[in-house]
Amino acid sequence: MYKGITKPIIFCLFLSLSFFCCEKPSDEIDKGVLINGVKWATRNVDAPGKFAANPEDAGMFYQWNRKTGWSTTDPLVNHEGGTTWDSSIPEGGSWEKANDPCPTGWRIPTLEEQQSLFFDREWATLNGVNGCYFGSGKQRVFFPAAGARARFDSIGTLYDVGIYGNYWNTEKWYMYFKSNDGCWNPYPYNSGVSVRCVAK
């Protein structure tokens, strides 16, 4: 009686499974937002090669020119399970491609690209997380104020969560912002701060 519909049901089920199996996980996909000629990812980098799940998620912290992700909440732990903070000073004059934690198709921004964001910015709260919107209208992105690690010490202490957002660029400077201020400064390169990528 049901022989006539068995094959179509199985065929449809196979197509559905094939679709879900072959689709890339959402943490590797980001269409980005174009702001002042630069396409920005809508989420921070989490573990190397992956985006955080949501725009307000902190992702992981990175030391300059290093590809090890560190927790943005306590306890201190890196993406490989290590718990010993590397207090040595990273080497190099620019962020090397081999150490770039951005997912495929994305990279660490330059200082100039970060500066292009500051034409339009607004301190805000997204789903209970403090941060800053950059851009205007539909063409804007939210950067969470995730704080930093080892900003004032060499043991990886967590600082200023919800107060400051700090983001690396390739030129050994970091972009920072808070509710009423924002600028660039040379940062202790062994500190851990956030990474927001731009399209290659």
N, C-alpha and C. Protein backbone atom coordinates (compact mmCIF):
# COMPACT_ATOMS: atom_id res chain seq x y z
N MET A 1 0.81 -1.21 0.00
CA MET A 1 0.00 0.00 0.00
C MET A 1 0.84 1.26 0.00
N TYR A 2 2.00 1.25 0.76
CA TYR A 2 2.83 2.45 0.88
C TYR A 2 4.10 2.39 0.02
N LYS A 3 4.16 1.36 -0.84
CA LYS A 3 5.37 1.19 -1.64
C LYS A 3 5.64 2.39 -2.54
N GLY A 4 4.59 3.05 -3.01
CA GLY A 4 4.74 4.13 -3.95
C GLY A 4 5.39 5.38 -3.38
N ILE A 5 5.40 5.53 -2.05
CA ILE A 5 5.97 6.75 -1.46
C ILE A 5 7.26 6.48 -0.69
N THR A 6 7.65 5.22 -0.58
CA THR A 6 8.85 4.89 0.19
C THR A 6 10.09 5.53 -0.39
N LYS A 7 10.31 5.37 -1.69
CA LYS A 7 11.52 5.90 -2.31
C LYS A 7 11.60 7.42 -2.28
N PRO A 8 10.50 8.15 -2.59
CA PRO A 8 10.58 9.61 -2.51
C PRO A 8 10.94 10.10 -1.11
N ILE A 9 10.37 9.45 -0.07
CA ILE A 9 10.67 9.87 1.31
C ILE A 9 12.14 9.65 1.62
N ILE A 10 12.66 8.50 1.24
CA ILE A 10 14.08 8.19 1.47
C ILE A 10 14.96 9.14 0.71
N PHE A 11 14.58 9.44 -0.56
CA PHE A 11 15.37 10.36 -1.39
C PHE A 11 15.42 11.76 -0.78
N CYS A 12 14.25 12.25 -0.29
CA CYS A 12 14.20 13.58 0.33
C CYS A 12 15.02 13.61 1.60
N LEU A 13 14.95 12.52 2.38
CA LEU A 13 15.72 12.45 3.61
C LEU A 13 17.21 12.50 3.30
N PHE A 14 17.64 11.81 2.25
CA PHE A 14 19.04 11.81 1.85
C PHE A 14 19.51 13.20 1.46
N LEU A 15 18.66 13.93 0.70
CA LEU A 15 19.01 15.28 0.29
C LEU A 15 19.14 16.20 1.49
N SER A 16 18.23 16.04 2.46
CA SER A 16 18.28 16.88 3.67
C SER A 16 19.54 16.61 4.46
N LEU A 17 19.88 15.35 4.63
CA LEU A 17 21.09 15.00 5.37
C LEU A 17 22.33 15.50 4.64
N SER A 18 22.33 15.38 3.31
CA SER A 18 23.48 15.85 2.53
C SER A 18 23.67 17.34 2.69
N PHE A 19 22.56 18.08 2.73
CA PHE A 19 22.64 19.54 2.86
C PHE A 19 23.28 19.92 4.18
N PHE A 20 22.80 19.29 5.27
CA PHE A 20 23.33 19.65 6.59
C PHE A 20 24.75 19.15 6.80
N CYS A 21 25.09 18.03 6.21
CA CYS A 21 26.44 17.51 6.39
C CYS A 21 27.47 18.33 5.65
N CYS A 22 27.09 18.86 4.51
CA CYS A 22 28.05 19.57 3.68
C CYS A 22 28.14 21.07 3.98
N GLU A 23 27.14 21.62 4.68
CA GLU A 23 27.14 23.04 4.97
C GLU A 23 28.19 23.36 6.02
N LYS A 24 28.93 24.45 5.83
CA LYS A 24 29.96 24.82 6.79
C LYS A 24 29.32 25.30 8.09
N PRO A 25 29.97 25.04 9.24
CA PRO A 25 29.45 25.53 10.51
C PRO A 25 29.40 27.04 10.52
N SER A 26 28.45 27.60 11.29
CA SER A 26 28.26 29.05 11.31
C SER A 26 29.47 29.79 11.88
N ASP A 27 30.29 29.11 12.69
CA ASP A 27 31.45 29.79 13.26
C ASP A 27 32.58 29.97 12.24
N GLU A 28 32.41 29.42 11.04
CA GLU A 28 33.40 29.62 9.98
C GLU A 28 32.87 30.53 8.88
N ILE A 29 31.61 30.95 8.99
CA ILE A 29 30.98 31.76 7.95
C ILE A 29 30.66 33.13 8.50
N ASP A 30 30.98 34.17 7.77
CA ASP A 30 30.60 35.53 8.12
C ASP A 30 30.58 36.33 6.83
N LYS A 31 29.42 36.86 6.47
CA LYS A 31 29.30 37.63 5.23
C LYS A 31 29.94 39.00 5.35
N GLY A 32 30.06 39.50 6.58
CA GLY A 32 30.72 40.77 6.80
C GLY A 32 29.85 41.97 6.47
N VAL A 33 30.33 43.13 6.90
CA VAL A 33 29.65 44.40 6.67
C VAL A 33 30.66 45.40 6.10
N LEU A 34 30.28 46.05 5.01
CA LEU A 34 31.18 47.00 4.35
C LEU A 34 31.02 48.38 4.99
N ILE A 35 32.13 48.90 5.55
CA ILE A 35 32.14 50.21 6.20
C ILE A 35 33.33 51.00 5.66
N ASN A 36 33.05 52.11 5.01
CA ASN A 36 34.11 52.97 4.45
C ASN A 36 35.10 52.19 3.58
N GLY A 37 34.56 51.29 2.77
CA GLY A 37 35.38 50.55 1.82
C GLY A 37 36.08 49.32 2.37
N VAL A 38 35.87 49.02 3.65
CA VAL A 38 36.50 47.85 4.28
C VAL A 38 35.40 46.90 4.77
N LYS A 39 35.52 45.62 4.42
CA LYS A 39 34.54 44.64 4.88
C LYS A 39 34.98 44.04 6.21
N TRP A 40 34.16 44.28 7.24
CA TRP A 40 34.46 43.82 8.60
C TRP A 40 33.64 42.59 8.95
N ALA A 41 34.25 41.65 9.64
CA ALA A 41 33.51 40.52 10.18
C ALA A 41 32.55 41.04 11.25
N THR A 42 31.44 40.36 11.44
CA THR A 42 30.45 40.79 12.42
C THR A 42 30.70 40.22 13.81
N ARG A 43 31.73 39.36 13.93
CA ARG A 43 32.00 38.71 15.22
C ARG A 43 33.50 38.63 15.46
N ASN A 44 33.86 38.59 16.73
CA ASN A 44 35.27 38.43 17.12
C ASN A 44 35.76 37.03 16.78
N VAL A 45 37.08 36.89 16.75
CA VAL A 45 37.68 35.56 16.60
C VAL A 45 37.58 34.82 17.92
N ASP A 46 37.19 33.58 17.85
CA ASP A 46 37.16 32.71 19.03
C ASP A 46 38.45 31.89 19.00
N ALA A 47 38.38 30.58 18.97
CA ALA A 47 39.59 29.77 18.78
C ALA A 47 40.15 30.06 17.39
N PRO A 48 41.44 29.82 17.16
CA PRO A 48 42.03 30.11 15.85
C PRO A 48 41.22 29.49 14.71
N GLY A 49 40.92 30.32 13.69
CA GLY A 49 40.18 29.83 12.54
C GLY A 49 38.69 29.79 12.70
N LYS A 50 38.16 30.31 13.83
CA LYS A 50 36.72 30.28 14.08
C LYS A 50 36.23 31.62 14.61
N PHE A 51 35.01 31.98 14.21
CA PHE A 51 34.37 33.16 14.76
C PHE A 51 33.57 32.78 16.00
N ALA A 52 33.35 33.75 16.89
CA ALA A 52 32.44 33.58 18.00
C ALA A 52 31.03 33.39 17.46
N ALA A 53 30.15 32.83 18.26
CA ALA A 53 28.81 32.51 17.78
C ALA A 53 27.95 33.74 17.53
N ASN A 54 28.12 34.79 18.35
CA ASN A 54 27.27 35.97 18.26
C ASN A 54 28.08 37.25 18.27
N PRO A 55 27.54 38.36 17.74
CA PRO A 55 28.28 39.63 17.71
C PRO A 55 28.71 40.12 19.08
N GLU A 56 27.92 39.83 20.11
CA GLU A 56 28.26 40.30 21.46
C GLU A 56 29.20 39.38 22.22
N ASP A 57 29.50 38.20 21.67
CA ASP A 57 30.40 37.26 22.34
C ASP A 57 31.85 37.75 22.25
N ALA A 58 32.57 37.63 23.34
CA ALA A 58 33.94 38.13 23.39
C ALA A 58 34.90 37.33 22.53
N GLY A 59 34.62 36.05 22.30
CA GLY A 59 35.59 35.21 21.60
C GLY A 59 36.76 34.91 22.51
N MET A 60 37.99 34.97 21.98
CA MET A 60 39.19 34.73 22.77
C MET A 60 40.16 35.89 22.62
N PHE A 61 41.08 36.00 23.58
CA PHE A 61 42.13 37.02 23.52
C PHE A 61 43.37 36.44 22.84
N TYR A 62 44.13 37.35 22.21
CA TYR A 62 45.38 36.96 21.55
C TYR A 62 46.48 37.94 21.91
N GLN A 63 47.68 37.40 22.08
CA GLN A 63 48.86 38.25 22.20
C GLN A 63 49.30 38.63 20.79
N TRP A 64 49.97 39.77 20.67
CA TRP A 64 50.33 40.25 19.35
C TRP A 64 51.24 39.28 18.62
N ASN A 65 50.92 38.98 17.35
CA ASN A 65 51.70 38.09 16.49
C ASN A 65 51.79 36.67 17.03
N ARG A 66 50.77 36.26 17.79
CA ARG A 66 50.70 34.88 18.26
C ARG A 66 49.33 34.30 17.95
N LYS A 67 49.29 33.00 17.74
CA LYS A 67 48.07 32.34 17.28
C LYS A 67 47.39 31.53 18.38
N THR A 68 47.76 31.75 19.62
CA THR A 68 47.16 31.04 20.75
C THR A 68 46.02 31.87 21.32
N GLY A 69 44.83 31.30 21.36
CA GLY A 69 43.68 32.00 21.93
C GLY A 69 43.58 31.75 23.43
N TRP A 70 43.26 32.81 24.17
CA TRP A 70 43.13 32.74 25.63
C TRP A 70 41.71 33.10 26.06
N SER A 71 41.27 32.49 27.15
CA SER A 71 39.91 32.71 27.63
C SER A 71 39.67 34.17 27.98
N THR A 72 38.46 34.62 27.73
CA THR A 72 38.06 35.99 28.07
C THR A 72 37.28 36.04 29.37
N THR A 73 37.19 34.90 30.04
CA THR A 73 36.63 34.81 31.39
C THR A 73 37.59 33.97 32.23
N ASP A 74 37.51 34.06 33.53
CA ASP A 74 38.33 33.22 34.39
C ASP A 74 37.67 31.86 34.56
N PRO A 75 38.46 30.78 34.72
CA PRO A 75 39.91 30.77 34.90
C PRO A 75 40.68 30.93 33.58
N LEU A 76 41.96 31.27 33.71
CA LEU A 76 42.86 31.43 32.57
C LEU A 76 43.10 30.07 31.91
N VAL A 77 42.82 29.99 30.61
CA VAL A 77 43.09 28.76 29.86
C VAL A 77 43.15 29.12 28.39
N ASN A 78 44.03 28.44 27.64
CA ASN A 78 44.08 28.72 26.20
C ASN A 78 43.30 27.67 25.41
N HIS A 79 43.23 27.85 24.10
CA HIS A 79 42.38 26.99 23.27
C HIS A 79 42.86 25.55 23.21
N GLU A 80 44.10 25.30 23.66
CA GLU A 80 44.63 23.93 23.70
C GLU A 80 44.59 23.35 25.11
N GLY A 81 44.04 24.10 26.06
CA GLY A 81 43.92 23.61 27.42
C GLY A 81 45.04 24.04 28.35
N GLY A 82 46.03 24.80 27.84
CA GLY A 82 47.13 25.26 28.68
C GLY A 82 46.71 26.34 29.66
N THR A 83 47.36 26.40 30.80
CA THR A 83 47.00 27.37 31.83
C THR A 83 48.19 28.23 32.28
N THR A 84 49.31 28.16 31.56
CA THR A 84 50.49 28.97 31.90
C THR A 84 50.62 30.11 30.91
N TRP A 85 50.49 31.33 31.41
CA TRP A 85 50.56 32.52 30.57
C TRP A 85 51.98 32.73 30.04
N ASP A 86 52.11 33.05 28.77
CA ASP A 86 53.41 33.32 28.16
C ASP A 86 53.70 34.81 28.31
N SER A 87 54.58 35.17 29.23
CA SER A 87 54.85 36.58 29.50
C SER A 87 56.00 37.14 28.66
N SER A 88 56.60 36.32 27.79
CA SER A 88 57.67 36.81 26.93
C SER A 88 57.10 37.79 25.91
N ILE A 89 57.97 38.66 25.40
CA ILE A 89 57.54 39.67 24.43
C ILE A 89 57.55 39.07 23.02
N PRO A 90 56.43 39.12 22.31
CA PRO A 90 56.40 38.60 20.93
C PRO A 90 57.36 39.34 20.02
N GLU A 91 57.93 38.63 19.07
CA GLU A 91 58.88 39.23 18.14
C GLU A 91 58.19 39.62 16.84
N GLY A 92 58.94 40.35 16.01
CA GLY A 92 58.45 40.70 14.68
C GLY A 92 58.10 42.16 14.55
N GLY A 93 58.06 42.63 13.29
CA GLY A 93 57.72 44.02 13.02
C GLY A 93 56.31 44.19 12.50
N SER A 94 55.70 43.07 12.08
CA SER A 94 54.31 43.08 11.62
C SER A 94 53.73 41.70 11.87
N TRP A 95 52.43 41.63 11.98
CA TRP A 95 51.79 40.36 12.28
C TRP A 95 51.98 39.40 11.11
N GLU A 96 52.66 38.28 11.36
CA GLU A 96 52.96 37.32 10.31
C GLU A 96 51.72 36.53 9.90
N LYS A 97 51.61 36.23 8.61
CA LYS A 97 50.46 35.49 8.10
C LYS A 97 50.30 34.13 8.78
N ALA A 98 51.41 33.50 9.08
CA ALA A 98 51.35 32.17 9.71
C ALA A 98 50.75 32.23 11.11
N ASN A 99 50.77 33.40 11.72
CA ASN A 99 50.25 33.54 13.09
C ASN A 99 48.89 34.22 13.13
N ASP A 100 48.30 34.43 11.98
CA ASP A 100 47.00 35.11 11.90
C ASP A 100 45.90 34.14 12.32
N PRO A 101 45.13 34.43 13.39
CA PRO A 101 44.10 33.51 13.86
C PRO A 101 42.77 33.64 13.13
N CYS A 102 42.67 34.57 12.18
CA CYS A 102 41.40 34.78 11.48
C CYS A 102 41.02 33.56 10.64
N PRO A 103 39.71 33.30 10.50
CA PRO A 103 39.27 32.22 9.62
C PRO A 103 39.67 32.44 8.17
N THR A 104 39.57 31.41 7.36
CA THR A 104 39.92 31.49 5.94
C THR A 104 39.16 32.62 5.25
N GLY A 105 39.88 33.42 4.47
CA GLY A 105 39.26 34.53 3.76
C GLY A 105 39.28 35.84 4.53
N TRP A 106 39.84 35.80 5.74
CA TRP A 106 39.89 36.97 6.61
C TRP A 106 41.32 37.17 7.12
N ARG A 107 41.60 38.37 7.66
CA ARG A 107 42.93 38.67 8.17
C ARG A 107 42.87 39.75 9.26
N ILE A 108 43.98 39.92 9.96
CA ILE A 108 44.13 41.00 10.94
C ILE A 108 44.06 42.34 10.21
N PRO A 109 43.33 43.33 10.74
CA PRO A 109 43.26 44.63 10.05
C PRO A 109 44.53 45.46 10.25
N THR A 110 44.72 46.43 9.38
CA THR A 110 45.80 47.39 9.54
C THR A 110 45.34 48.52 10.46
N LEU A 111 46.29 49.33 10.90
CA LEU A 111 45.96 50.50 11.71
C LEU A 111 45.04 51.43 10.93
N GLU A 112 45.35 51.66 9.67
CA GLU A 112 44.55 52.56 8.84
C GLU A 112 43.11 52.06 8.70
N GLU A 113 42.95 50.75 8.55
CA GLU A 113 41.60 50.19 8.43
C GLU A 113 40.81 50.37 9.72
N GLN A 114 41.46 50.20 10.86
CA GLN A 114 40.77 50.46 12.13
C GLN A 114 40.39 51.93 12.26
N GLN A 115 41.27 52.81 11.85
CA GLN A 115 40.99 54.24 11.96
C GLN A 115 39.78 54.64 11.13
N SER A 116 39.54 53.93 10.03
CA SER A 116 38.40 54.25 9.17
C SER A 116 37.07 53.98 9.86
N LEU A 117 37.08 53.20 10.94
CA LEU A 117 35.85 52.91 11.67
C LEU A 117 35.36 54.10 12.49
N PHE A 118 36.27 54.97 12.90
CA PHE A 118 35.95 55.96 13.92
C PHE A 118 35.16 57.17 13.42
N PHE A 119 34.78 57.17 12.14
CA PHE A 119 33.93 58.24 11.64
C PHE A 119 32.53 58.16 12.26
N ASP A 120 32.07 56.94 12.51
CA ASP A 120 30.76 56.73 13.13
C ASP A 120 30.90 55.67 14.22
N ARG A 121 30.71 56.08 15.46
CA ARG A 121 30.74 55.09 16.54
C ARG A 121 29.76 55.49 17.63
N GLU A 122 29.25 54.47 18.33
CA GLU A 122 28.26 54.70 19.37
C GLU A 122 28.40 53.65 20.46
N TRP A 123 28.64 54.09 21.68
CA TRP A 123 28.67 53.17 22.82
C TRP A 123 27.26 52.63 23.03
N ALA A 124 27.14 51.33 23.25
CA ALA A 124 25.82 50.72 23.36
C ALA A 124 25.91 49.41 24.15
N THR A 125 24.76 48.82 24.38
CA THR A 125 24.68 47.50 25.02
C THR A 125 23.89 46.58 24.12
N LEU A 126 24.43 45.42 23.83
CA LEU A 126 23.77 44.42 22.98
C LEU A 126 23.58 43.15 23.79
N ASN A 127 22.32 42.79 24.03
CA ASN A 127 22.00 41.59 24.80
C ASN A 127 22.75 41.55 26.13
N GLY A 128 22.80 42.71 26.79
CA GLY A 128 23.42 42.81 28.11
C GLY A 128 24.92 43.00 28.11
N VAL A 129 25.53 43.12 26.93
CA VAL A 129 26.99 43.25 26.82
C VAL A 129 27.34 44.67 26.37
N ASN A 130 28.20 45.33 27.12
CA ASN A 130 28.66 46.66 26.72
C ASN A 130 29.61 46.58 25.53
N GLY A 131 29.57 47.61 24.71
CA GLY A 131 30.48 47.64 23.58
C GLY A 131 30.23 48.86 22.73
N CYS A 132 30.65 48.81 21.48
CA CYS A 132 30.55 49.96 20.61
C CYS A 132 30.10 49.53 19.22
N TYR A 133 29.14 50.28 18.68
CA TYR A 133 28.75 50.10 17.29
C TYR A 133 29.62 51.00 16.43
N PHE A 134 30.10 50.47 15.32
CA PHE A 134 30.83 51.25 14.32
C PHE A 134 30.07 51.16 13.01
N GLY A 135 30.02 52.28 12.28
CA GLY A 135 29.26 52.34 11.05
C GLY A 135 27.92 53.02 11.29
N SER A 136 27.04 52.97 10.28
CA SER A 136 25.75 53.63 10.41
C SER A 136 24.68 52.83 9.68
N GLY A 137 23.42 53.05 10.09
CA GLY A 137 22.30 52.36 9.46
C GLY A 137 22.44 50.85 9.55
N LYS A 138 22.21 50.17 8.42
CA LYS A 138 22.35 48.72 8.39
C LYS A 138 23.81 48.30 8.25
N GLN A 139 24.65 49.25 7.85
CA GLN A 139 26.07 48.95 7.66
C GLN A 139 26.86 49.29 8.93
N ARG A 140 26.66 48.52 9.95
CA ARG A 140 27.41 48.73 11.18
C ARG A 140 27.67 47.40 11.88
N VAL A 141 28.67 47.40 12.72
CA VAL A 141 29.07 46.19 13.44
C VAL A 141 29.24 46.52 14.92
N PHE A 142 29.02 45.53 15.76
CA PHE A 142 29.15 45.68 17.21
C PHE A 142 30.44 45.04 17.68
N PHE A 143 31.26 45.80 18.41
CA PHE A 143 32.48 45.29 19.01
C PHE A 143 32.28 45.22 20.53
N PRO A 144 32.29 44.05 21.13
CA PRO A 144 32.12 43.98 22.59
C PRO A 144 33.32 44.53 23.34
N ALA A 145 33.04 45.15 24.48
CA ALA A 145 34.10 45.66 25.36
C ALA A 145 34.54 44.51 26.26
N ALA A 146 35.39 43.66 25.73
CA ALA A 146 35.76 42.41 26.40
C ALA A 146 36.88 42.57 27.42
N GLY A 147 37.51 43.77 27.48
CA GLY A 147 38.62 43.96 28.40
C GLY A 147 39.93 43.46 27.82
N ALA A 148 40.78 42.91 28.69
CA ALA A 148 42.09 42.43 28.25
C ALA A 148 42.68 41.51 29.31
N ARG A 149 43.75 40.83 28.94
CA ARG A 149 44.53 40.04 29.92
C ARG A 149 45.94 40.61 30.02
N ALA A 150 46.44 40.68 31.25
CA ALA A 150 47.82 41.11 31.53
C ALA A 150 48.08 42.54 31.08
N ARG A 151 47.08 43.38 31.18
CA ARG A 151 47.28 44.78 30.80
C ARG A 151 48.26 45.47 31.74
N PHE A 152 48.22 45.09 33.01
CA PHE A 152 49.08 45.74 34.00
C PHE A 152 50.01 44.76 34.72
N ASP A 153 50.07 43.54 34.29
CA ASP A 153 50.96 42.57 34.94
C ASP A 153 51.45 41.55 33.93
N SER A 154 52.14 40.54 34.37
CA SER A 154 52.71 39.55 33.45
C SER A 154 52.21 38.14 33.72
N ILE A 155 51.06 38.01 34.38
CA ILE A 155 50.56 36.68 34.73
C ILE A 155 49.20 36.38 34.10
N GLY A 156 48.74 37.23 33.20
CA GLY A 156 47.50 36.96 32.49
C GLY A 156 46.23 37.33 33.23
N THR A 157 46.32 38.27 34.16
CA THR A 157 45.14 38.70 34.91
C THR A 157 44.11 39.37 33.99
N LEU A 158 42.85 39.13 34.24
CA LEU A 158 41.76 39.69 33.45
C LEU A 158 41.39 41.08 33.95
N TYR A 159 41.29 42.05 33.02
CA TYR A 159 41.01 43.44 33.39
C TYR A 159 39.88 44.05 32.56
N ASP A 160 39.18 44.99 33.15
CA ASP A 160 38.30 45.95 32.45
C ASP A 160 37.22 45.33 31.57
N VAL A 161 36.70 44.17 31.96
CA VAL A 161 35.62 43.55 31.19
C VAL A 161 34.38 44.44 31.27
N GLY A 162 33.80 44.75 30.12
CA GLY A 162 32.62 45.59 30.07
C GLY A 162 32.92 47.07 30.13
N ILE A 163 34.19 47.42 30.30
CA ILE A 163 34.60 48.83 30.42
C ILE A 163 35.38 49.28 29.18
N TYR A 164 36.34 48.46 28.77
CA TYR A 164 37.16 48.77 27.60
C TYR A 164 37.05 47.68 26.54
N GLY A 165 37.06 48.10 25.30
CA GLY A 165 37.28 47.19 24.19
C GLY A 165 38.67 47.44 23.65
N ASN A 166 39.44 46.40 23.39
CA ASN A 166 40.82 46.53 22.90
C ASN A 166 41.01 45.56 21.73
N TYR A 167 41.49 46.07 20.59
CA TYR A 167 41.56 45.25 19.38
C TYR A 167 42.88 45.47 18.66
N TRP A 168 43.57 44.35 18.35
CA TRP A 168 44.87 44.42 17.67
C TRP A 168 44.75 44.83 16.21
N ASN A 169 45.84 45.40 15.70
CA ASN A 169 46.03 45.53 14.26
C ASN A 169 47.44 45.04 13.92
N THR A 170 47.80 45.06 12.65
CA THR A 170 49.08 44.49 12.22
C THR A 170 50.28 45.32 12.63
N GLU A 171 50.07 46.61 12.94
CA GLU A 171 51.20 47.52 13.16
C GLU A 171 51.66 47.68 14.60
N LYS A 172 51.34 46.74 15.46
CA LYS A 172 51.79 46.77 16.85
C LYS A 172 51.10 47.86 17.68
N TRP A 173 49.99 48.35 17.19
CA TRP A 173 49.17 49.27 17.96
C TRP A 173 47.84 48.57 18.23
N TYR A 174 47.12 49.06 19.21
CA TYR A 174 45.80 48.50 19.46
C TYR A 174 44.78 49.63 19.45
N MET A 175 43.60 49.32 18.96
CA MET A 175 42.47 50.24 19.03
C MET A 175 41.77 50.00 20.36
N TYR A 176 41.50 51.07 21.09
CA TYR A 176 40.73 50.91 22.32
C TYR A 176 39.56 51.88 22.33
N PHE A 177 38.54 51.51 23.06
CA PHE A 177 37.39 52.39 23.24
C PHE A 177 36.74 52.10 24.58
N LYS A 178 36.07 53.11 25.11
CA LYS A 178 35.22 52.97 26.28
C LYS A 178 34.00 53.85 26.04
N SER A 179 33.20 54.10 27.06
CA SER A 179 31.92 54.79 26.85
C SER A 179 32.08 56.20 26.30
N ASN A 180 33.17 56.88 26.68
CA ASN A 180 33.31 58.29 26.25
C ASN A 180 34.64 58.60 25.60
N ASP A 181 35.34 57.58 25.11
CA ASP A 181 36.67 57.82 24.57
C ASP A 181 37.04 56.69 23.62
N GLY A 182 38.06 56.93 22.79
CA GLY A 182 38.58 55.91 21.91
C GLY A 182 39.79 56.43 21.18
N CYS A 183 40.81 55.57 21.01
CA CYS A 183 42.04 56.02 20.37
C CYS A 183 42.91 54.80 20.05
N TRP A 184 44.18 55.05 19.75
CA TRP A 184 45.16 53.99 19.47
C TRP A 184 46.38 54.23 20.33
N ASN A 185 46.98 53.16 20.79
CA ASN A 185 48.19 53.25 21.58
C ASN A 185 49.05 52.03 21.32
N PRO A 186 50.38 52.17 21.50
CA PRO A 186 51.21 50.96 21.51
C PRO A 186 50.88 50.20 22.78
N TYR A 187 50.70 48.93 22.68
CA TYR A 187 50.27 48.11 23.81
C TYR A 187 51.40 47.17 24.21
N PRO A 188 51.49 46.76 25.48
CA PRO A 188 52.42 45.68 25.81
C PRO A 188 52.07 44.45 24.97
N TYR A 189 52.99 44.05 24.11
CA TYR A 189 52.67 43.05 23.09
C TYR A 189 52.36 41.67 23.65
N ASN A 190 52.75 41.44 24.91
CA ASN A 190 52.42 40.15 25.52
C ASN A 190 51.07 40.18 26.21
N SER A 191 50.34 41.29 26.12
CA SER A 191 48.99 41.35 26.66
C SER A 191 48.03 40.64 25.70
N GLY A 192 46.94 40.15 26.23
CA GLY A 192 45.95 39.48 25.41
C GLY A 192 44.75 40.38 25.19
N VAL A 193 44.43 40.68 23.93
CA VAL A 193 43.26 41.48 23.62
C VAL A 193 42.50 40.85 22.46
N SER A 194 41.40 41.46 22.08
CA SER A 194 40.50 40.88 21.08
C SER A 194 41.01 41.04 19.66
N VAL A 195 40.46 40.23 18.76
CA VAL A 195 40.76 40.31 17.32
C VAL A 195 39.46 40.38 16.54
N ARG A 196 39.34 41.40 15.69
CA ARG A 196 38.22 41.49 14.74
C ARG A 196 38.80 41.57 13.34
N CYS A 197 38.40 40.67 12.48
CA CYS A 197 39.03 40.51 11.17
C CYS A 197 38.39 41.37 10.08
N VAL A 198 39.15 41.57 9.02
CA VAL A 198 38.63 42.17 7.80
C VAL A 198 38.82 41.16 6.66
N ALA A 199 38.02 41.33 5.60
CA ALA A 199 38.10 40.40 4.46
C ALA A 199 39.40 40.62 3.70
N LYS A 200 39.97 39.54 3.18
CA LYS A 200 41.20 39.63 2.38
C LYS A 200 40.90 40.25 1.03
